[in-house]
């Protein structure tokens, strides 16, 4: 594999790392948060908004984009970057999470997953061949392997079977990417470590995937209903067994304090729908914890969401006005609050990188979490 990831420094107080990931569409400075654009759009925002708030890389979803509009169409129209007007890196999830989230609509087989479309009921199939073909059509900078995400709680035998199946599928995805020039063209494929709450299974999964020498690795199967201490335990049980010279990605979470805690466990990359989803309902993030602008106490509040935060929403609009937009169900409200929330996450990651560089990340992140959670 090419030398695509440079580990710039490791924190002396925690397991946090500062890195730099090279992709076909530019460099990604890590640790980093990736806004979620499941269907080829980050809801409520334009690519110009994403550039403005400093997004380095965004995420799309193989399962959803293949159902609508179809990966062949996206390929014929120039690939996902051209299709959605985004010129920076894109990571695409493989659809493996739908094994968990759409459990009632799928049938698990040794060679892949048979789905019943949540849109029209039609059958579709995702195996290693299919997910790699789709992601090659999309032109993904980072393609995720297909995997089986076990539920929580999960019986050990079922989890062990999921780990074995995910390992086999990951190897097939790697071979397809190698044999069809995906790697040679500068694209990356990341493996996904499963294992639920079983530390030994997570270790064997991590070591088995590391032996495949993939460009990066993800911690999967977390935030599927387990309590936060168990979630962090699973991440902490996985990262020590992943290659230090490759990027590490925890999929689909979390709150700002959770992300800081996982940075301290050695995770480099994150994505989550939370900041954009809750924005559309009036909840916004601040250094003193989240606030719900629907509350009456903000009716006459002339202050910005966060004083001094450098984004369009905080520069130009009061909490009172933003509250009015949400209560009136004006589309602009969702746009302005999504812009703020995603910028809050991205700015937090900028602070993380700054404090790692300064050598005081450990003390700083503990103070930050204590302030955020004091309410």
Protein backbone atom coordinates (compact mmCIF):
# COMPACT_ATOMS: atom_id res chain seq x y z
CA UNK A 1 0.00 0.00 0.00
CA UNK A 2 1.25 3.57 -0.65
CA UNK A 3 2.40 5.77 2.22
CA UNK A 4 -0.92 7.61 2.54
CA UNK A 5 -1.08 8.26 6.30
CA UNK A 6 1.53 10.10 8.32
CA UNK A 7 1.43 9.90 12.11
CA UNK A 8 2.68 13.34 13.13
CA UNK A 9 2.71 12.89 16.91
CA UNK A 10 1.35 10.81 19.79
CA UNK A 11 0.14 12.40 23.01
CA UNK A 12 2.17 11.57 26.12
CA UNK A 13 -0.80 11.80 28.52
CA UNK A 14 -3.40 9.84 26.52
CA UNK A 15 -3.52 7.57 23.47
CA UNK A 16 -4.53 10.53 21.25
CA UNK A 17 -2.77 11.02 17.91
CA UNK A 18 -2.24 13.76 15.35
CA UNK A 19 -2.09 12.58 11.75
CA UNK A 20 -2.40 13.47 8.09
CA UNK A 21 -4.33 11.34 5.57
CA UNK A 22 -3.71 11.75 1.83
CA UNK A 23 -6.61 11.03 -0.54
CA UNK A 24 -7.30 11.53 -4.25
CA UNK A 25 -9.22 14.72 -3.45
CA UNK A 26 -6.89 16.24 -0.90
CA UNK A 27 -5.34 15.96 2.53
CA UNK A 28 -7.36 15.31 5.69
CA UNK A 29 -5.88 16.54 8.97
CA UNK A 30 -6.76 14.22 11.84
CA UNK A 31 -8.43 13.91 14.29
CA UNK A 32 -11.39 14.94 12.16
CA UNK A 33 -15.19 14.90 12.16
CA UNK A 34 -17.01 14.05 8.91
CA UNK A 35 -20.45 15.60 8.25
CA UNK A 36 -22.92 12.97 7.05
CA UNK A 37 -24.32 13.30 3.53
CA UNK A 38 -26.16 9.98 3.32
CA UNK A 39 -27.93 10.60 0.01
CA UNK A 40 -25.38 12.84 -1.67
CA UNK A 41 -26.22 15.89 0.43
CA UNK A 42 -25.57 17.09 3.96
CA UNK A 43 -29.14 17.97 4.87
CA UNK A 44 -29.97 21.70 4.70
CA UNK A 45 -26.48 22.77 3.57
CA UNK A 46 -24.80 23.51 0.24
CA UNK A 47 -21.20 22.53 -0.58
CA UNK A 48 -20.35 26.23 -0.19
CA UNK A 49 -21.62 26.11 3.40
CA UNK A 50 -19.46 23.04 4.07
CA UNK A 51 -16.38 24.80 2.69
CA UNK A 52 -17.18 27.86 4.81
CA UNK A 53 -17.26 25.90 8.08
CA UNK A 54 -14.08 23.98 7.31
CA UNK A 55 -15.33 20.51 6.39
CA UNK A 56 -12.40 18.47 5.08
CA UNK A 57 -14.24 15.28 4.19
CA UNK A 58 -17.88 14.15 4.15
CA UNK A 59 -19.65 10.79 4.24
CA UNK A 60 -22.14 9.15 1.87
CA UNK A 61 -23.97 5.83 2.05
CA UNK A 62 -23.60 3.00 -0.46
CA UNK A 63 -26.93 1.36 0.35
CA UNK A 64 -29.01 4.52 -0.02
CA UNK A 65 -27.21 5.91 -3.08
CA UNK A 66 -27.49 2.59 -4.88
CA UNK A 67 -31.25 2.50 -4.32
CA UNK A 68 -31.68 6.14 -5.32
CA UNK A 69 -30.54 7.45 -7.79
CA UNK A 70 -28.43 4.35 -8.60
CA UNK A 71 -24.64 4.08 -8.76
CA UNK A 72 -24.64 3.53 -12.54
CA UNK A 73 -26.33 6.89 -13.03
CA UNK A 74 -23.88 8.61 -10.69
CA UNK A 75 -20.96 7.03 -12.57
CA UNK A 76 -22.35 8.13 -15.94
CA UNK A 77 -22.74 11.69 -14.64
CA UNK A 78 -19.11 11.92 -13.55
CA UNK A 79 -19.05 10.26 -10.13
CA UNK A 80 -20.35 11.37 -6.77
CA UNK A 81 -18.03 14.39 -6.46
CA UNK A 82 -19.20 15.83 -9.76
CA UNK A 83 -22.82 14.81 -9.15
CA UNK A 84 -23.12 16.67 -5.83
CA UNK A 85 -20.66 19.50 -6.53
CA UNK A 86 -18.17 18.58 -3.78
CA UNK A 87 -14.45 18.72 -4.60
CA UNK A 88 -12.99 17.37 -1.36
CA UNK A 89 -12.72 13.77 -0.10
CA UNK A 90 -15.74 11.50 0.33
CA UNK A 91 -15.96 8.36 2.46
CA UNK A 92 -18.81 5.98 1.68
CA UNK A 93 -20.21 3.52 4.19
CA UNK A 94 -20.74 0.09 2.65
CA UNK A 95 -24.31 -0.51 3.81
CA UNK A 96 -23.29 -3.01 6.48
CA UNK A 97 -24.96 -0.93 9.19
CA UNK A 98 -28.28 -1.64 7.48
CA UNK A 99 -27.78 -5.26 8.60
CA UNK A 100 -28.51 -3.84 12.03
CA UNK A 101 -30.86 -0.93 11.35
CA UNK A 102 -33.05 -2.72 8.78
CA UNK A 103 -33.01 -6.13 10.46
CA UNK A 104 -36.65 -6.78 9.59
CA UNK A 105 -36.02 -6.14 5.89
CA UNK A 106 -32.91 -8.26 5.28
CA UNK A 107 -31.75 -11.84 5.06
CA UNK A 108 -28.16 -12.64 5.99
CA UNK A 109 -26.30 -15.10 3.76
CA UNK A 110 -22.72 -16.37 3.69
CA UNK A 111 -21.98 -14.41 0.52
CA UNK A 112 -23.74 -11.15 1.47
CA UNK A 113 -26.98 -9.54 2.57
CA UNK A 114 -30.31 -9.68 0.76
CA UNK A 115 -32.43 -6.60 1.41
CA UNK A 116 -35.98 -5.60 0.82
CA UNK A 117 -35.81 -1.96 -0.21
CA UNK A 118 -37.30 0.37 2.39
CA UNK A 119 -38.48 2.54 -0.53
CA UNK A 120 -40.52 0.18 -2.68
CA UNK A 121 -40.04 -3.34 -1.30
CA UNK A 122 -37.89 -4.55 -4.21
CA UNK A 123 -35.16 -7.06 -3.41
CA UNK A 124 -31.52 -6.06 -3.64
CA UNK A 125 -28.30 -7.79 -2.67
CA UNK A 126 -25.06 -6.49 -1.20
CA UNK A 127 -21.97 -8.67 -1.00
CA UNK A 128 -18.27 -7.82 -1.40
CA UNK A 129 -18.56 -7.72 -5.20
CA UNK A 130 -21.63 -5.48 -5.14
CA UNK A 131 -20.40 -2.96 -2.55
CA UNK A 132 -17.06 -2.56 -4.29
CA UNK A 133 -18.70 -2.13 -7.70
CA UNK A 134 -21.05 0.52 -6.26
CA UNK A 135 -18.27 2.41 -4.52
CA UNK A 136 -16.07 2.26 -7.62
CA UNK A 137 -19.00 3.73 -9.58
CA UNK A 138 -19.36 6.48 -6.99
CA UNK A 139 -15.62 7.23 -7.09
CA UNK A 140 -15.29 7.09 -3.30
CA UNK A 141 -11.98 8.29 -1.90
CA UNK A 142 -12.47 5.89 1.02
CA UNK A 143 -14.64 2.80 0.54
CA UNK A 144 -15.75 0.73 3.51
CA UNK A 145 -15.85 -3.06 3.35
CA UNK A 146 -19.16 -4.87 3.76
CA UNK A 147 -19.55 -6.27 7.27
CA UNK A 148 -22.11 -7.69 9.66
CA UNK A 149 -22.96 -5.37 12.55
CA UNK A 150 -24.23 -7.46 15.50
CA UNK A 151 -26.97 -6.03 17.73
CA UNK A 152 -26.62 -5.28 21.43
CA UNK A 153 -26.93 -7.42 23.42
CA UNK A 154 -25.55 -10.24 21.31
CA UNK A 155 -24.86 -13.89 22.10
CA UNK A 156 -21.22 -14.90 21.82
CA UNK A 157 -21.71 -17.59 19.15
CA UNK A 158 -23.66 -15.20 16.92
CA UNK A 159 -21.03 -12.51 17.41
CA UNK A 160 -18.19 -14.91 16.60
CA UNK A 161 -19.97 -15.87 13.39
CA UNK A 162 -20.36 -12.18 12.47
CA UNK A 163 -16.64 -11.59 13.07
CA UNK A 164 -15.68 -14.55 10.88
CA UNK A 165 -18.06 -13.51 8.11
CA UNK A 166 -16.88 -9.88 8.23
CA UNK A 167 -13.23 -10.98 8.02
CA UNK A 168 -13.93 -13.10 4.95
CA UNK A 169 -15.87 -10.31 3.25
CA UNK A 170 -13.12 -7.77 4.03
CA UNK A 171 -10.53 -9.99 2.36
CA UNK A 172 -12.72 -10.30 -0.72
CA UNK A 173 -13.21 -6.50 -0.84
CA UNK A 174 -9.45 -6.01 -0.61
CA UNK A 175 -8.78 -8.46 -3.42
CA UNK A 176 -11.34 -6.78 -5.69
CA UNK A 177 -9.83 -3.35 -4.98
CA UNK A 178 -6.34 -4.68 -5.70
CA UNK A 179 -7.21 -6.66 -8.81
CA UNK A 180 -9.32 -3.95 -10.44
CA UNK A 181 -6.96 -1.02 -9.91
CA UNK A 182 -8.90 0.75 -7.15
CA UNK A 183 -5.84 0.92 -4.90
CA UNK A 184 -3.52 1.74 -7.79
CA UNK A 185 -5.69 4.74 -8.68
CA UNK A 186 -5.26 6.16 -5.16
CA UNK A 187 -8.52 5.07 -3.56
CA UNK A 188 -8.57 3.56 -0.06
CA UNK A 189 -10.51 0.69 1.52
CA UNK A 190 -11.05 0.54 5.28
CA UNK A 191 -11.80 -2.62 7.26
CA UNK A 192 -14.37 -2.69 10.07
CA UNK A 193 -13.71 -4.39 13.42
CA UNK A 194 -16.71 -6.11 15.01
CA UNK A 195 -16.91 -8.13 18.20
CA UNK A 196 -19.71 -6.52 20.21
CA UNK A 197 -18.86 -6.57 23.95
CA UNK A 198 -16.41 -9.49 23.77
CA UNK A 199 -12.86 -8.16 24.18
CA UNK A 200 -11.20 -11.31 22.86
CA UNK A 201 -13.36 -11.31 19.73
CA UNK A 202 -12.57 -7.64 19.12
CA UNK A 203 -8.87 -8.36 19.49
CA UNK A 204 -8.95 -11.32 17.10
CA UNK A 205 -11.04 -9.28 14.62
CA UNK A 206 -8.60 -6.36 14.78
CA UNK A 207 -5.57 -8.60 14.37
CA UNK A 208 -7.17 -10.53 11.51
CA UNK A 209 -8.02 -7.34 9.63
CA UNK A 210 -4.59 -5.82 10.35
CA UNK A 211 -3.05 -8.83 8.58
CA UNK A 212 -4.87 -7.77 5.40
CA UNK A 213 -2.75 -4.56 5.33
CA UNK A 214 -5.70 -2.32 4.45
CA UNK A 215 -5.21 1.47 4.20
CA UNK A 216 -7.33 2.11 7.33
CA UNK A 217 -9.54 0.55 9.98
CA UNK A 218 -12.83 1.33 11.67
CA UNK A 219 -14.32 0.37 15.02
CA UNK A 220 -17.80 -0.88 14.17
CA UNK A 221 -20.72 -2.19 16.19
CA UNK A 222 -20.76 0.63 18.73
CA UNK A 223 -23.61 3.01 19.56
CA UNK A 224 -26.14 0.27 18.79
CA UNK A 225 -27.98 0.61 22.09
CA UNK A 226 -25.31 -0.15 24.67
CA UNK A 227 -24.67 2.32 27.55
CA UNK A 228 -21.87 4.84 27.09
CA UNK A 229 -19.37 3.15 29.46
CA UNK A 230 -19.72 -0.09 27.50
CA UNK A 231 -19.35 1.77 24.21
CA UNK A 232 -16.11 3.40 25.35
CA UNK A 233 -14.89 0.07 26.68
CA UNK A 234 -15.40 -1.51 23.25
CA UNK A 235 -13.44 1.28 21.55
CA UNK A 236 -10.67 0.99 24.15
CA UNK A 237 -10.56 -2.78 23.63
CA UNK A 238 -10.09 -2.35 19.88
CA UNK A 239 -7.70 0.53 19.13
CA UNK A 240 -4.59 -0.96 20.81
CA UNK A 241 -4.72 -3.89 18.37
CA UNK A 242 -4.94 -1.76 15.21
CA UNK A 243 -1.81 -0.69 13.31
CA UNK A 244 -0.40 2.56 14.66
CA UNK A 245 0.59 3.58 11.13
CA UNK A 246 -2.97 3.49 9.76
CA UNK A 247 -5.95 5.82 10.41
CA UNK A 248 -8.60 4.68 12.90
CA UNK A 249 -12.26 5.53 12.49
CA UNK A 250 -15.13 5.02 14.94
CA UNK A 251 -18.36 4.83 12.99
CA UNK A 252 -21.61 6.68 13.62
CA UNK A 253 -21.14 8.66 16.83
CA UNK A 254 -21.26 10.68 19.06
CA UNK A 255 -21.78 13.66 21.38
CA UNK A 256 -18.93 16.18 21.75
CA UNK A 257 -17.69 14.67 25.06
CA UNK A 258 -17.87 11.16 23.63
CA UNK A 259 -15.75 12.21 20.67
CA UNK A 260 -13.12 13.78 22.94
CA UNK A 261 -13.02 10.63 25.06
CA UNK A 262 -12.51 8.52 21.94
CA UNK A 263 -9.78 10.82 20.64
CA UNK A 264 -8.06 10.09 23.96
CA UNK A 265 -8.43 6.36 23.18
CA UNK A 266 -6.57 6.77 19.89
CA UNK A 267 -9.35 7.34 17.34
CA UNK A 268 -8.65 9.64 14.37
CA UNK A 269 -11.93 9.93 12.44
CA UNK A 270 -15.62 10.31 13.36
CA UNK A 271 -19.01 10.76 11.74
CA UNK A 272 -22.48 11.24 13.21
CA UNK A 273 -25.91 12.46 12.10
CA UNK A 274 -26.54 13.93 15.56
CA UNK A 275 -25.48 17.57 15.00
CA UNK A 276 -27.55 17.98 11.83
CA UNK A 277 -30.53 15.92 13.00
CA UNK A 278 -31.08 17.74 16.30
CA UNK A 279 -30.53 21.13 14.65
CA UNK A 280 -33.73 20.70 12.67
CA UNK A 281 -35.60 20.42 16.00
CA UNK A 282 -34.01 23.49 17.57
CA UNK A 283 -31.23 21.93 19.67
CA UNK A 284 -27.83 23.59 19.42
CA UNK A 285 -24.42 22.87 20.92
CA UNK A 286 -22.48 25.26 23.15
CA UNK A 287 -19.35 24.86 25.31
CA UNK A 288 -21.69 24.77 28.32
CA UNK A 289 -23.77 21.93 26.92
CA UNK A 290 -26.66 21.73 24.44
CA UNK A 291 -29.61 24.10 24.63
CA UNK A 292 -33.08 23.84 23.13
CA UNK A 293 -34.01 27.11 21.45
CA UNK A 294 -37.69 26.17 21.59
CA UNK A 295 -37.65 27.03 25.30
CA UNK A 296 -39.51 30.20 26.32
CA UNK A 297 -36.43 31.65 28.02
CA UNK A 298 -34.87 32.35 24.61
CA UNK A 299 -37.85 34.36 23.29
CA UNK A 300 -36.13 37.72 23.89
CA UNK A 301 -32.52 36.50 23.97
CA UNK A 302 -30.46 38.84 21.77
CA UNK A 303 -27.19 36.93 22.16
CA UNK A 304 -25.74 34.61 19.50
CA UNK A 305 -25.83 30.86 20.01
CA UNK A 306 -22.13 30.96 21.00
CA UNK A 307 -20.47 34.32 21.48
CA UNK A 308 -17.26 34.54 19.48
CA UNK A 309 -17.73 31.38 17.40
CA UNK A 310 -16.76 32.27 13.84
CA UNK A 311 -19.66 31.10 11.70
CA UNK A 312 -22.39 32.84 9.70
CA UNK A 313 -25.15 31.91 12.16
CA UNK A 314 -23.39 33.21 15.27
CA UNK A 315 -22.16 36.34 13.47
CA UNK A 316 -25.57 37.45 12.24
CA UNK A 317 -28.52 36.09 14.22
CA UNK A 318 -29.84 36.12 17.77
CA UNK A 319 -31.16 33.17 19.70
CA UNK A 320 -34.55 34.91 19.67
CA UNK A 321 -34.64 35.04 15.86
CA UNK A 322 -33.45 31.46 15.48
CA UNK A 323 -36.13 30.35 17.94
CA UNK A 324 -38.74 32.16 15.87
CA UNK A 325 -37.61 30.34 12.69
CA UNK A 326 -37.82 26.92 14.35
CA UNK A 327 -41.25 27.57 15.89
CA UNK A 328 -42.52 28.96 12.58
CA UNK A 329 -41.11 25.88 10.81
CA UNK A 330 -39.16 28.04 8.37
CA UNK A 331 -36.59 26.10 6.33
CA UNK A 332 -33.96 28.75 7.05
CA UNK A 333 -34.01 27.71 10.71
CA UNK A 334 -32.82 24.21 9.90
CA UNK A 335 -30.08 25.57 7.64
CA UNK A 336 -28.75 28.10 10.15
CA UNK A 337 -28.78 25.71 13.11
CA UNK A 338 -27.25 22.85 11.08
CA UNK A 339 -24.51 25.20 9.94
CA UNK A 340 -23.82 26.17 13.55
CA UNK A 341 -23.86 22.63 14.95
CA UNK A 342 -21.57 21.19 12.29
CA UNK A 343 -19.21 24.12 12.69
CA UNK A 344 -19.22 23.54 16.45
CA UNK A 345 -18.07 19.95 15.87
CA UNK A 346 -15.49 20.92 13.26
CA UNK A 347 -14.16 23.75 15.42
CA UNK A 348 -13.88 21.33 18.34
CA UNK A 349 -11.67 19.08 16.21
CA UNK A 350 -9.54 22.07 15.25
CA UNK A 351 -9.07 22.74 18.96
CA UNK A 352 -8.16 19.08 19.48
CA UNK A 353 -5.43 19.27 16.83
CA UNK A 354 -4.14 22.56 18.26
CA UNK A 355 -3.87 21.17 21.79
CA UNK A 356 -2.25 17.96 20.58
CA UNK A 357 0.33 20.07 18.82
CA UNK A 358 0.83 22.16 21.98
CA UNK A 359 1.23 19.03 24.13
CA UNK A 360 -1.58 19.81 26.60
CA UNK A 361 -4.46 17.80 25.11
CA UNK A 362 -4.94 15.59 28.18
CA UNK A 363 -5.57 18.38 30.66
CA UNK A 364 -7.47 20.51 28.14
CA UNK A 365 -9.93 17.77 27.09
CA UNK A 366 -10.73 16.90 30.70
CA UNK A 367 -11.49 20.56 31.47
CA UNK A 368 -13.60 20.87 28.30
CA UNK A 369 -15.69 17.82 29.16
CA UNK A 370 -16.17 18.95 32.77
CA UNK A 371 -17.48 22.35 31.62
CA UNK A 372 -19.79 20.83 29.01
CA UNK A 373 -21.25 18.29 31.42
CA UNK A 374 -21.57 20.52 34.48
CA UNK A 375 -25.24 21.20 33.77
